Protein backbone atom coordinates (compact mmCIF):
# COMPACT_ATOMS: atom_id res chain seq x y z
CA MET A 1 64.16 -13.90 42.48
CA GLU A 2 62.57 -10.89 42.99
CA LEU A 3 63.31 -7.74 46.22
CA GLN A 4 59.92 -9.02 47.39
CA ASP A 5 61.13 -12.60 47.49
CA LEU A 6 64.22 -11.34 49.34
CA ALA A 7 62.06 -9.56 51.84
CA ALA A 8 59.55 -12.55 52.05
CA LEU A 9 62.49 -14.89 52.75
CA ILE A 10 63.39 -12.39 55.95
CA GLN A 11 60.42 -11.66 57.00
CA GLY A 12 59.62 -15.39 57.22
CA ALA A 13 63.08 -16.64 58.94
CA LYS A 14 62.54 -18.29 62.18
CA ARG A 15 66.33 -17.88 64.22
CA SER A 16 68.83 -15.30 62.33
CA ALA A 17 68.93 -12.97 59.41
CA TRP A 18 72.89 -12.67 58.52
CA ARG A 19 74.31 -9.80 55.96
CA LEU A 20 77.73 -9.57 54.55
CA GLU A 21 78.79 -6.55 52.82
CA THR A 22 81.53 -5.94 51.07
CA LEU A 23 81.31 -3.26 49.32
CA PRO A 24 82.98 0.19 49.33
CA VAL A 25 79.80 2.89 48.16
CA TYR A 26 75.85 1.16 48.02
CA THR A 27 74.45 4.04 45.41
CA VAL A 28 70.84 3.45 47.70
CA PRO A 29 68.52 6.74 45.62
CA GLN A 30 65.93 6.14 48.87
CA GLU A 31 69.37 7.60 51.17
CA GLU A 32 70.65 10.14 48.39
CA GLU A 33 68.97 13.07 50.61
CA GLU A 34 70.78 11.66 54.34
CA PHE A 35 74.15 11.13 52.56
CA ALA A 36 74.61 14.57 51.03
CA ALA A 37 72.68 16.31 54.55
CA TRP A 38 75.66 13.79 56.65
CA ARG A 39 78.40 15.05 53.80
CA ALA A 40 78.06 19.20 54.67
CA GLY A 41 78.04 18.44 58.15
CA ARG A 42 74.55 18.62 58.63
CA ALA A 43 73.81 14.91 59.80
CA PRO A 44 70.41 14.74 60.71
CA LYS A 45 69.82 13.31 64.67
CA LEU A 46 70.14 9.54 64.34
CA GLN A 47 66.69 7.39 64.14
CA THR A 48 65.48 5.01 67.18
CA PRO A 49 62.88 2.52 67.42
CA GLU A 50 59.97 5.25 68.15
CA THR A 51 60.75 7.32 64.95
CA SER A 52 61.92 4.71 62.10
CA ALA A 53 59.70 1.27 61.94
CA TRP A 54 62.84 -0.49 60.54
CA LEU A 55 64.55 -0.33 63.78
CA ALA A 56 61.57 -1.01 66.00
CA GLU A 57 61.56 -4.34 63.83
CA LEU A 58 64.95 -5.26 64.97
CA ARG A 59 64.44 -4.13 68.77
CA ASP A 60 60.99 -6.23 69.20
CA THR A 61 62.48 -9.22 66.95
CA THR A 62 65.82 -9.58 68.93
CA ALA A 63 63.79 -9.02 72.16
CA ARG A 64 62.42 -12.36 71.81
CA GLY A 65 65.14 -14.34 70.18
CA PHE A 66 65.92 -13.77 66.66
CA SER A 67 69.39 -12.50 66.47
CA TRP A 68 70.42 -9.48 63.50
CA GLY A 69 74.04 -9.63 62.51
CA ARG A 70 75.85 -8.48 59.87
CA VAL A 71 80.25 -7.95 59.21
CA HIS A 72 81.52 -4.98 56.49
CA VAL A 73 84.25 -5.74 55.14
CA VAL A 74 86.03 -2.37 54.80
CA ASP A 75 89.22 -1.34 52.64
CA LEU A 76 91.11 1.19 54.13
CA PRO A 77 91.31 4.60 53.49
CA LEU A 78 87.44 4.14 54.44
CA THR A 79 85.28 6.00 51.33
CA PRO A 80 82.80 8.61 52.51
CA TYR A 81 80.39 6.04 52.41
CA THR A 82 81.56 3.80 54.20
CA ARG A 83 81.99 7.00 57.15
CA TYR A 84 78.52 7.18 56.53
CA GLU A 85 77.39 3.55 56.98
CA LEU A 86 79.61 3.52 59.76
CA TRP A 87 77.66 6.44 61.42
CA GLY A 88 74.04 4.91 60.29
CA TYR A 89 74.94 1.07 61.73
CA GLN A 90 75.31 3.30 65.78
CA ALA A 91 71.15 3.48 65.05
CA ASN A 92 70.88 -0.23 64.14
CA ALA A 93 73.32 -1.67 66.99
CA ALA A 94 71.33 0.20 69.44
CA ALA A 95 68.22 -1.40 68.06
CA GLY A 96 69.81 -4.83 69.01
CA GLU A 97 71.86 -5.95 65.30
CA ASP A 98 75.09 -7.07 66.13
CA ILE A 99 77.19 -5.69 63.52
CA GLY A 100 81.21 -6.03 63.19
CA ILE A 101 83.88 -4.44 60.95
CA ALA A 102 86.82 -6.20 59.51
CA GLU A 103 89.27 -4.21 57.36
CA ARG A 104 90.42 -5.81 54.80
CA ASP A 105 93.55 -5.57 54.64
CA ALA A 106 94.27 -6.36 58.15
CA HIS A 107 93.60 -10.23 57.22
CA PRO A 108 94.47 -11.88 54.17
CA ASP A 109 91.26 -14.14 54.41
CA LEU A 110 89.25 -11.30 53.35
CA GLU A 111 90.83 -10.35 50.36
CA LEU A 112 88.30 -13.42 49.00
CA LEU A 113 85.25 -12.11 50.67
CA ARG A 114 84.47 -9.97 48.06
CA ARG A 115 80.49 -10.37 46.74
CA ASP A 116 77.69 -9.63 49.22
CA PHE A 117 74.93 -11.86 50.37
CA TRP A 118 72.20 -12.53 52.84
CA LEU A 119 72.31 -15.88 55.58
CA VAL A 120 69.00 -16.82 56.38
CA ASP A 121 68.65 -18.97 59.45
CA ASP A 122 71.12 -20.25 58.67
CA ALA A 123 70.02 -22.36 55.58
CA THR A 124 69.26 -20.22 52.98
CA ALA A 125 71.46 -18.37 51.65
CA VAL A 126 70.97 -14.55 49.04
CA TRP A 127 73.90 -13.15 46.71
CA MET A 128 73.13 -9.76 46.29
CA ASP A 129 74.48 -8.54 42.91
CA TYR A 130 75.29 -5.04 42.43
CA ASP A 131 77.21 -2.82 39.66
CA ALA A 132 80.42 -1.46 39.60
CA ASP A 133 79.04 1.97 41.52
CA GLY A 134 77.30 -0.15 43.97
CA ARG A 135 74.08 -0.22 42.95
CA PHE A 136 71.66 -2.83 43.54
CA LEU A 137 70.94 -5.40 40.22
CA GLN A 138 69.65 -8.13 41.67
CA PRO A 139 69.19 -10.77 44.58
CA VAL A 140 70.11 -14.51 43.72
CA LEU A 141 69.26 -17.72 45.59
CA ALA A 142 72.58 -19.46 46.17
CA THR A 143 71.94 -23.16 44.97
CA GLY A 144 73.58 -26.41 46.02
CA GLY A 145 77.25 -26.38 47.81
CA GLU A 146 76.97 -22.09 47.54
CA VAL A 147 74.73 -21.93 50.82
CA GLU A 148 77.96 -23.90 52.75
CA VAL A 149 80.16 -21.34 50.95
CA CYS A 150 78.35 -18.66 52.47
CA ARG A 151 78.64 -19.96 55.83
CA ARG A 152 81.65 -20.44 55.33
CA MET A 153 82.40 -16.43 54.14
CA ARG A 154 80.45 -15.68 57.36
CA ASP A 155 82.99 -17.85 59.80
CA ILE A 156 85.90 -15.88 58.09
CA ALA A 157 84.26 -12.71 58.48
CA LEU A 158 83.25 -13.12 61.63
CA ALA A 159 86.27 -14.24 63.03
CA HIS A 160 88.58 -11.16 62.00
CA ALA A 161 85.34 -8.51 62.60
CA GLU A 162 85.50 -6.40 66.17
CA PRO A 163 82.19 -5.53 67.09
CA LEU A 164 81.20 -1.72 65.96
CA GLU A 165 81.41 -0.46 68.53
CA ALA A 166 85.42 -1.16 69.38
CA TYR A 167 85.66 -0.41 66.22
CA LEU A 168 85.02 3.19 66.24
CA THR A 169 86.96 4.09 69.45
CA ARG A 170 89.51 1.89 68.54
CA LYS A 171 90.20 3.92 64.75
CA ARG A 172 87.82 7.11 65.57
CA PRO A 173 87.10 7.44 62.23
CA ARG A 174 85.59 10.80 61.27
CA ILE A 175 81.82 9.89 61.20
CA ASN A 176 80.02 12.74 62.36
CA ALA A 177 80.73 14.75 59.25
CA ALA A 178 82.59 14.36 55.29
């Protein structure tokens, strides 16, 4: 499977696209400048659906009843990159994505969740493989019983996650500067 195949799968989804994130760092070349600015305390203003095609897509599809969701299983202490992601997630949540945060140390069940994936329409799963530094390697189409494994992993993550806004209010992580 290629990355464009994953994009087409998600774009063709009818009801939902859900993501499990488990890494403390994702090395994304397109984010390098913004992440550096954030770390230096010069974070740009959060984007909106009016300034971002992706956020406009989230807003428009959720308005039509499509469900976008994710849970990020985080480790403590939060890495600077995870705090940067929490900052950025606010824009996605404002556009309609259901984002949950689960602390791995707080729930023994979460220890098993160590591999990222997408679950599309609750019927197709795609593993997201990364190297040790968080660089994306490839999407891998789940086969056989792996889709059910992903559904169970999603259910575990959701059972132990709290909504992004509640997490930010309760934990008050430093997300505005590194």
